[in-house]
Amino acid sequence: MEKSAFEALGGSYMEVNGTLIPSLVIQNSESIGKYGRMRRQYLKEQHPIIFSDLLLSEQLYPHLVEIDRACHGRMELLTRQMAVQEGVNEALKATDQMEWVRRMNSIQNRVEEIVLNELIYLEEAPDDDT
């Protein structure tokens, strides 16, 4: 019997109720982090074609890991920049700790909203060619 293109690329099938379906596994899905999981859920619910394309091309896991890393890096950078811009520093922390906490929480909430809109809720997966 001739192999399918999927089998020729190393894929395999499993039989379920008399029907052969591709055996697909998401690699290390538990180690992608909060933002990677959010991106996966967004793609799965809002852009199932992009999700399927990434999954079938085995680019989903690397994409999710990259998104998670990018989100953490962007959050650190924006938090530092906004804290400097708004005067939230160690001096404030030493003199009025509750005010420092309030301001830092506000900054972190705004930064997370920015990062979610910039990196998680993109309409398309970034091209590898750019």
N, C-alpha and C. Protein backbone atom coordinates (compact mmCIF):
# COMPACT_ATOMS: atom_id res chain seq x y z
N MET A 1 0.84 -1.18 0.00
CA MET A 1 0.00 0.00 0.00
C MET A 1 0.89 1.25 0.00
N GLU A 2 0.54 2.23 -0.79
CA GLU A 2 1.32 3.46 -0.93
C GLU A 2 1.12 4.37 0.28
N LYS A 3 2.21 5.01 0.73
CA LYS A 3 2.14 5.92 1.87
C LYS A 3 1.54 7.25 1.45
N SER A 4 0.78 7.84 2.38
CA SER A 4 0.25 9.18 2.14
C SER A 4 1.38 10.20 2.34
N ALA A 5 1.15 11.42 1.90
CA ALA A 5 2.14 12.49 2.09
C ALA A 5 2.41 12.70 3.57
N PHE A 6 1.37 12.58 4.40
CA PHE A 6 1.51 12.74 5.84
C PHE A 6 2.43 11.65 6.42
N GLU A 7 2.24 10.42 5.98
CA GLU A 7 3.09 9.32 6.45
C GLU A 7 4.51 9.46 5.93
N ALA A 8 4.67 9.95 4.70
CA ALA A 8 6.00 10.15 4.13
C ALA A 8 6.80 11.17 4.92
N LEU A 9 6.11 12.12 5.56
CA LEU A 9 6.77 13.12 6.39
C LEU A 9 6.97 12.67 7.83
N GLY A 10 6.63 11.41 8.11
CA GLY A 10 6.85 10.87 9.45
C GLY A 10 5.61 10.82 10.31
N GLY A 11 4.47 11.20 9.77
CA GLY A 11 3.22 11.16 10.52
C GLY A 11 2.66 9.76 10.60
N SER A 12 1.73 9.59 11.51
CA SER A 12 1.08 8.29 11.63
C SER A 12 -0.42 8.50 11.88
N TYR A 13 -1.17 7.43 11.68
CA TYR A 13 -2.61 7.48 11.87
C TYR A 13 -3.00 6.53 12.99
N MET A 14 -4.15 6.83 13.62
CA MET A 14 -4.72 5.88 14.56
C MET A 14 -6.17 5.65 14.16
N GLU A 15 -6.67 4.45 14.45
CA GLU A 15 -8.03 4.11 14.06
C GLU A 15 -8.99 4.38 15.21
N VAL A 16 -10.04 5.15 14.91
CA VAL A 16 -11.08 5.45 15.89
C VAL A 16 -12.41 5.14 15.24
N ASN A 17 -13.11 4.15 15.77
CA ASN A 17 -14.41 3.74 15.24
C ASN A 17 -14.36 3.44 13.74
N GLY A 18 -13.32 2.79 13.30
CA GLY A 18 -13.20 2.41 11.90
C GLY A 18 -12.69 3.50 10.98
N THR A 19 -12.34 4.66 11.52
CA THR A 19 -11.85 5.78 10.72
C THR A 19 -10.42 6.08 11.12
N LEU A 20 -9.55 6.25 10.13
CA LEU A 20 -8.16 6.62 10.41
C LEU A 20 -8.06 8.13 10.56
N ILE A 21 -7.49 8.56 11.67
CA ILE A 21 -7.27 9.99 11.88
C ILE A 21 -5.80 10.22 12.20
N PRO A 22 -5.25 11.38 11.81
CA PRO A 22 -3.83 11.64 12.08
C PRO A 22 -3.57 11.70 13.59
N SER A 23 -2.45 11.15 14.00
CA SER A 23 -2.02 11.23 15.40
C SER A 23 -1.23 12.52 15.56
N LEU A 24 -1.86 13.52 16.18
CA LEU A 24 -1.22 14.81 16.39
C LEU A 24 -1.03 15.05 17.88
N VAL A 25 0.14 15.53 18.24
CA VAL A 25 0.45 15.81 19.64
C VAL A 25 1.07 17.20 19.72
N ILE A 26 0.57 18.03 20.64
CA ILE A 26 1.20 19.32 20.88
C ILE A 26 2.38 19.07 21.81
N GLN A 27 3.56 19.49 21.36
CA GLN A 27 4.77 19.24 22.12
C GLN A 27 4.82 20.10 23.37
N ASN A 28 5.16 19.52 24.49
CA ASN A 28 5.43 20.23 25.74
C ASN A 28 4.46 21.36 26.02
N SER A 29 3.17 21.13 25.85
CA SER A 29 2.19 22.21 25.97
C SER A 29 2.14 22.81 27.37
N GLU A 30 2.62 22.11 28.38
CA GLU A 30 2.56 22.64 29.74
C GLU A 30 3.69 23.61 30.05
N SER A 31 4.73 23.67 29.23
CA SER A 31 5.87 24.52 29.54
C SER A 31 5.90 25.81 28.73
N ILE A 32 4.78 26.19 28.13
CA ILE A 32 4.80 27.38 27.29
C ILE A 32 4.53 28.66 28.05
N GLY A 33 4.07 28.61 29.27
CA GLY A 33 3.85 29.81 30.07
C GLY A 33 2.47 30.42 29.86
N LYS A 34 2.16 31.37 30.72
CA LYS A 34 0.85 32.02 30.73
C LYS A 34 0.49 32.65 29.39
N TYR A 35 1.39 33.44 28.84
CA TYR A 35 1.09 34.17 27.61
C TYR A 35 1.06 33.25 26.40
N GLY A 36 1.86 32.22 26.38
CA GLY A 36 1.80 31.23 25.32
C GLY A 36 0.47 30.48 25.34
N ARG A 37 0.01 30.15 26.53
CA ARG A 37 -1.29 29.47 26.64
C ARG A 37 -2.43 30.39 26.23
N MET A 38 -2.32 31.67 26.58
CA MET A 38 -3.35 32.64 26.17
C MET A 38 -3.39 32.77 24.65
N ARG A 39 -2.21 32.81 24.04
CA ARG A 39 -2.12 32.92 22.57
C ARG A 39 -2.71 31.68 21.92
N ARG A 40 -2.39 30.50 22.47
CA ARG A 40 -2.92 29.24 21.92
C ARG A 40 -4.45 29.25 21.98
N GLN A 41 -5.01 29.64 23.11
CA GLN A 41 -6.46 29.67 23.28
C GLN A 41 -7.11 30.67 22.31
N TYR A 42 -6.47 31.83 22.17
CA TYR A 42 -6.99 32.85 21.24
C TYR A 42 -7.00 32.32 19.81
N LEU A 43 -5.89 31.74 19.38
CA LEU A 43 -5.83 31.19 18.02
C LEU A 43 -6.84 30.08 17.81
N LYS A 44 -6.94 29.21 18.80
CA LYS A 44 -7.85 28.07 18.70
C LYS A 44 -9.30 28.54 18.57
N GLU A 45 -9.69 29.57 19.34
CA GLU A 45 -11.07 30.03 19.33
C GLU A 45 -11.38 31.02 18.21
N GLN A 46 -10.48 31.96 17.96
CA GLN A 46 -10.76 33.05 17.05
C GLN A 46 -10.21 32.85 15.63
N HIS A 47 -9.14 32.07 15.51
CA HIS A 47 -8.49 31.86 14.21
C HIS A 47 -8.13 30.38 14.05
N PRO A 48 -9.14 29.52 13.96
CA PRO A 48 -8.85 28.08 13.90
C PRO A 48 -8.03 27.65 12.69
N ILE A 49 -8.11 28.38 11.59
CA ILE A 49 -7.33 28.01 10.40
C ILE A 49 -5.85 28.26 10.66
N ILE A 50 -5.52 29.41 11.24
CA ILE A 50 -4.12 29.70 11.58
C ILE A 50 -3.63 28.70 12.61
N PHE A 51 -4.47 28.40 13.61
CA PHE A 51 -4.11 27.41 14.63
C PHE A 51 -3.79 26.06 13.98
N SER A 52 -4.66 25.61 13.08
CA SER A 52 -4.45 24.32 12.41
C SER A 52 -3.20 24.33 11.55
N ASP A 53 -2.98 25.42 10.82
CA ASP A 53 -1.78 25.53 9.99
C ASP A 53 -0.51 25.42 10.83
N LEU A 54 -0.48 26.15 11.94
CA LEU A 54 0.69 26.10 12.82
C LEU A 54 0.86 24.71 13.43
N LEU A 55 -0.24 24.11 13.83
CA LEU A 55 -0.18 22.77 14.43
C LEU A 55 0.32 21.74 13.43
N LEU A 56 -0.24 21.75 12.23
CA LEU A 56 0.14 20.75 11.22
C LEU A 56 1.56 20.95 10.70
N SER A 57 2.04 22.18 10.71
CA SER A 57 3.41 22.44 10.25
C SER A 57 4.42 22.33 11.39
N GLU A 58 3.95 21.92 12.55
CA GLU A 58 4.78 21.78 13.76
C GLU A 58 5.44 23.09 14.17
N GLN A 59 4.79 24.20 13.87
CA GLN A 59 5.29 25.52 14.25
C GLN A 59 4.52 26.11 15.42
N LEU A 60 3.48 25.42 15.90
CA LEU A 60 2.67 25.96 16.98
C LEU A 60 3.48 26.13 18.26
N TYR A 61 4.15 25.07 18.69
CA TYR A 61 4.91 25.14 19.95
C TYR A 61 6.01 26.20 19.89
N PRO A 62 6.84 26.23 18.85
CA PRO A 62 7.86 27.30 18.79
C PRO A 62 7.23 28.70 18.77
N HIS A 63 6.11 28.85 18.08
CA HIS A 63 5.41 30.14 18.04
C HIS A 63 4.95 30.55 19.44
N LEU A 64 4.37 29.61 20.18
CA LEU A 64 3.86 29.92 21.52
C LEU A 64 4.99 30.24 22.49
N VAL A 65 6.09 29.52 22.39
CA VAL A 65 7.25 29.80 23.24
C VAL A 65 7.79 31.19 22.94
N GLU A 66 7.89 31.53 21.67
CA GLU A 66 8.39 32.85 21.28
C GLU A 66 7.46 33.96 21.76
N ILE A 67 6.16 33.77 21.63
CA ILE A 67 5.19 34.76 22.11
C ILE A 67 5.33 34.95 23.62
N ASP A 68 5.47 33.85 24.36
CA ASP A 68 5.61 33.93 25.82
C ASP A 68 6.87 34.71 26.19
N ARG A 69 7.98 34.40 25.55
CA ARG A 69 9.24 35.11 25.83
C ARG A 69 9.12 36.60 25.48
N ALA A 70 8.53 36.88 24.34
CA ALA A 70 8.38 38.27 23.90
C ALA A 70 7.50 39.05 24.86
N CYS A 71 6.43 38.43 25.34
CA CYS A 71 5.54 39.11 26.29
C CYS A 71 6.26 39.44 27.58
N HIS A 72 7.01 38.48 28.12
CA HIS A 72 7.74 38.74 29.37
C HIS A 72 8.78 39.85 29.18
N GLY A 73 9.50 39.80 28.10
CA GLY A 73 10.50 40.83 27.83
C GLY A 73 9.88 42.20 27.67
N ARG A 74 8.79 42.26 26.91
CA ARG A 74 8.11 43.54 26.68
C ARG A 74 7.52 44.08 27.98
N MET A 75 6.99 43.21 28.83
CA MET A 75 6.42 43.65 30.11
C MET A 75 7.50 44.24 31.01
N GLU A 76 8.66 43.58 31.08
CA GLU A 76 9.75 44.11 31.90
C GLU A 76 10.19 45.49 31.42
N LEU A 77 10.37 45.62 30.12
CA LEU A 77 10.82 46.88 29.55
C LEU A 77 9.81 48.00 29.79
N LEU A 78 8.54 47.76 29.47
CA LEU A 78 7.51 48.78 29.63
C LEU A 78 7.30 49.15 31.09
N THR A 79 7.36 48.16 31.98
CA THR A 79 7.20 48.44 33.41
C THR A 79 8.30 49.36 33.90
N ARG A 80 9.54 49.07 33.53
CA ARG A 80 10.67 49.94 33.93
C ARG A 80 10.49 51.35 33.37
N GLN A 81 10.15 51.45 32.10
CA GLN A 81 10.00 52.75 31.46
C GLN A 81 8.88 53.57 32.09
N MET A 82 7.74 52.94 32.33
CA MET A 82 6.61 53.66 32.91
C MET A 82 6.89 54.06 34.35
N ALA A 83 7.58 53.21 35.10
CA ALA A 83 7.92 53.55 36.49
C ALA A 83 8.83 54.77 36.53
N VAL A 84 9.81 54.83 35.65
CA VAL A 84 10.70 55.99 35.59
C VAL A 84 9.91 57.23 35.20
N GLN A 85 9.09 57.10 34.18
CA GLN A 85 8.32 58.23 33.67
C GLN A 85 7.36 58.78 34.73
N GLU A 86 6.81 57.91 35.57
CA GLU A 86 5.83 58.33 36.57
C GLU A 86 6.45 58.56 37.95
N GLY A 87 7.76 58.45 38.05
CA GLY A 87 8.44 58.72 39.31
C GLY A 87 8.22 57.67 40.39
N VAL A 88 7.96 56.45 39.98
CA VAL A 88 7.79 55.35 40.94
C VAL A 88 9.16 54.73 41.13
N ASN A 89 9.81 55.09 42.25
CA ASN A 89 11.19 54.67 42.47
C ASN A 89 11.40 54.18 43.90
N GLU A 90 12.62 53.86 44.21
CA GLU A 90 12.96 53.34 45.54
C GLU A 90 12.72 54.38 46.64
N ALA A 91 12.89 55.65 46.31
CA ALA A 91 12.64 56.71 47.30
C ALA A 91 11.17 56.71 47.71
N LEU A 92 10.29 56.59 46.72
CA LEU A 92 8.85 56.52 47.02
C LEU A 92 8.55 55.27 47.83
N LYS A 93 9.19 54.17 47.47
CA LYS A 93 8.97 52.91 48.19
C LYS A 93 9.38 53.05 49.66
N ALA A 94 10.48 53.77 49.89
CA ALA A 94 10.97 53.95 51.26
C ALA A 94 10.07 54.88 52.08
N THR A 95 9.51 55.90 51.43
CA THR A 95 8.71 56.88 52.18
C THR A 95 7.23 56.52 52.28
N ASP A 96 6.67 55.92 51.24
CA ASP A 96 5.24 55.60 51.23
C ASP A 96 5.02 54.29 50.48
N GLN A 97 5.22 53.20 51.19
CA GLN A 97 5.19 51.88 50.57
C GLN A 97 3.83 51.56 49.94
N MET A 98 2.74 51.93 50.59
CA MET A 98 1.41 51.64 50.04
C MET A 98 1.16 52.40 48.73
N GLU A 99 1.62 53.62 48.65
CA GLU A 99 1.49 54.40 47.41
C GLU A 99 2.33 53.77 46.31
N TRP A 100 3.53 53.31 46.66
CA TRP A 100 4.39 52.65 45.68
C TRP A 100 3.71 51.39 45.14
N VAL A 101 3.12 50.59 46.03
CA VAL A 101 2.43 49.36 45.61
C VAL A 101 1.25 49.71 44.71
N ARG A 102 0.47 50.73 45.09
CA ARG A 102 -0.69 51.14 44.30
C ARG A 102 -0.26 51.55 42.89
N ARG A 103 0.77 52.35 42.81
CA ARG A 103 1.24 52.83 41.51
C ARG A 103 1.84 51.70 40.67
N MET A 104 2.61 50.81 41.31
CA MET A 104 3.21 49.69 40.57
C MET A 104 2.12 48.75 40.05
N ASN A 105 1.10 48.49 40.86
CA ASN A 105 -0.01 47.65 40.39
C ASN A 105 -0.71 48.29 39.21
N SER A 106 -0.90 49.59 39.26
CA SER A 106 -1.52 50.31 38.15
C SER A 106 -0.66 50.19 36.90
N ILE A 107 0.63 50.38 37.05
CA ILE A 107 1.55 50.27 35.91
C ILE A 107 1.52 48.86 35.33
N GLN A 108 1.58 47.86 36.18
CA GLN A 108 1.59 46.47 35.71
C GLN A 108 0.30 46.11 34.99
N ASN A 109 -0.83 46.61 35.48
CA ASN A 109 -2.11 46.33 34.81
C ASN A 109 -2.15 46.98 33.43
N ARG A 110 -1.69 48.21 33.32
CA ARG A 110 -1.67 48.90 32.03
C ARG A 110 -0.70 48.23 31.06
N VAL A 111 0.46 47.85 31.57
CA VAL A 111 1.47 47.19 30.74
C VAL A 111 0.95 45.86 30.22
N GLU A 112 0.30 45.09 31.07
CA GLU A 112 -0.22 43.80 30.61
C GLU A 112 -1.28 44.01 29.53
N GLU A 113 -2.13 45.01 29.68
CA GLU A 113 -3.14 45.29 28.66
C GLU A 113 -2.48 45.65 27.32
N ILE A 114 -1.43 46.43 27.37
CA ILE A 114 -0.69 46.79 26.15
C ILE A 114 -0.09 45.54 25.50
N VAL A 115 0.57 44.72 26.30
CA VAL A 115 1.23 43.52 25.78
C VAL A 115 0.21 42.54 25.20
N LEU A 116 -0.91 42.37 25.86
CA LEU A 116 -1.94 41.46 25.34
C LEU A 116 -2.41 41.92 23.97
N ASN A 117 -2.64 43.21 23.82
CA ASN A 117 -3.11 43.74 22.53
C ASN A 117 -2.03 43.72 21.46
N GLU A 118 -0.78 43.91 21.85
CA GLU A 118 0.31 43.92 20.87
C GLU A 118 0.73 42.52 20.42
N LEU A 119 0.74 41.57 21.36
CA LEU A 119 1.33 40.27 21.04
C LEU A 119 0.38 39.07 21.08
N ILE A 120 -0.59 39.07 21.96
CA ILE A 120 -1.47 37.91 22.09
C ILE A 120 -2.61 37.96 21.09
N TYR A 121 -3.27 39.10 21.01
CA TYR A 121 -4.47 39.22 20.18
C TYR A 121 -4.19 39.75 18.79
N LEU A 122 -3.10 39.33 18.19
CA LEU A 122 -2.79 39.65 16.80
C LEU A 122 -3.76 38.90 15.91
N GLU A 123 -4.07 39.46 14.79
CA GLU A 123 -4.98 38.80 13.85
C GLU A 123 -4.32 37.61 13.15
N GLU A 124 -3.01 37.68 12.96
CA GLU A 124 -2.30 36.60 12.26
C GLU A 124 -1.06 36.22 13.02
N ALA A 125 -0.57 35.04 12.75
CA ALA A 125 0.72 34.62 13.28
C ALA A 125 1.80 35.37 12.52
N PRO A 126 2.86 35.80 13.19
CA PRO A 126 3.94 36.51 12.47
C PRO A 126 4.56 35.63 11.40
N ASP A 127 4.95 36.25 10.27
CA ASP A 127 5.61 35.52 9.20
C ASP A 127 7.03 35.19 9.60
N ASP A 128 7.52 34.02 9.19
CA ASP A 128 8.90 33.65 9.45
C ASP A 128 9.85 34.38 8.51
N ASP A 129 9.33 34.90 7.40
CA ASP A 129 10.15 35.52 6.37
C ASP A 129 10.60 36.93 6.74
N THR A 130 9.92 37.58 7.71
CA THR A 130 10.25 38.97 8.04
C THR A 130 11.29 39.07 9.11
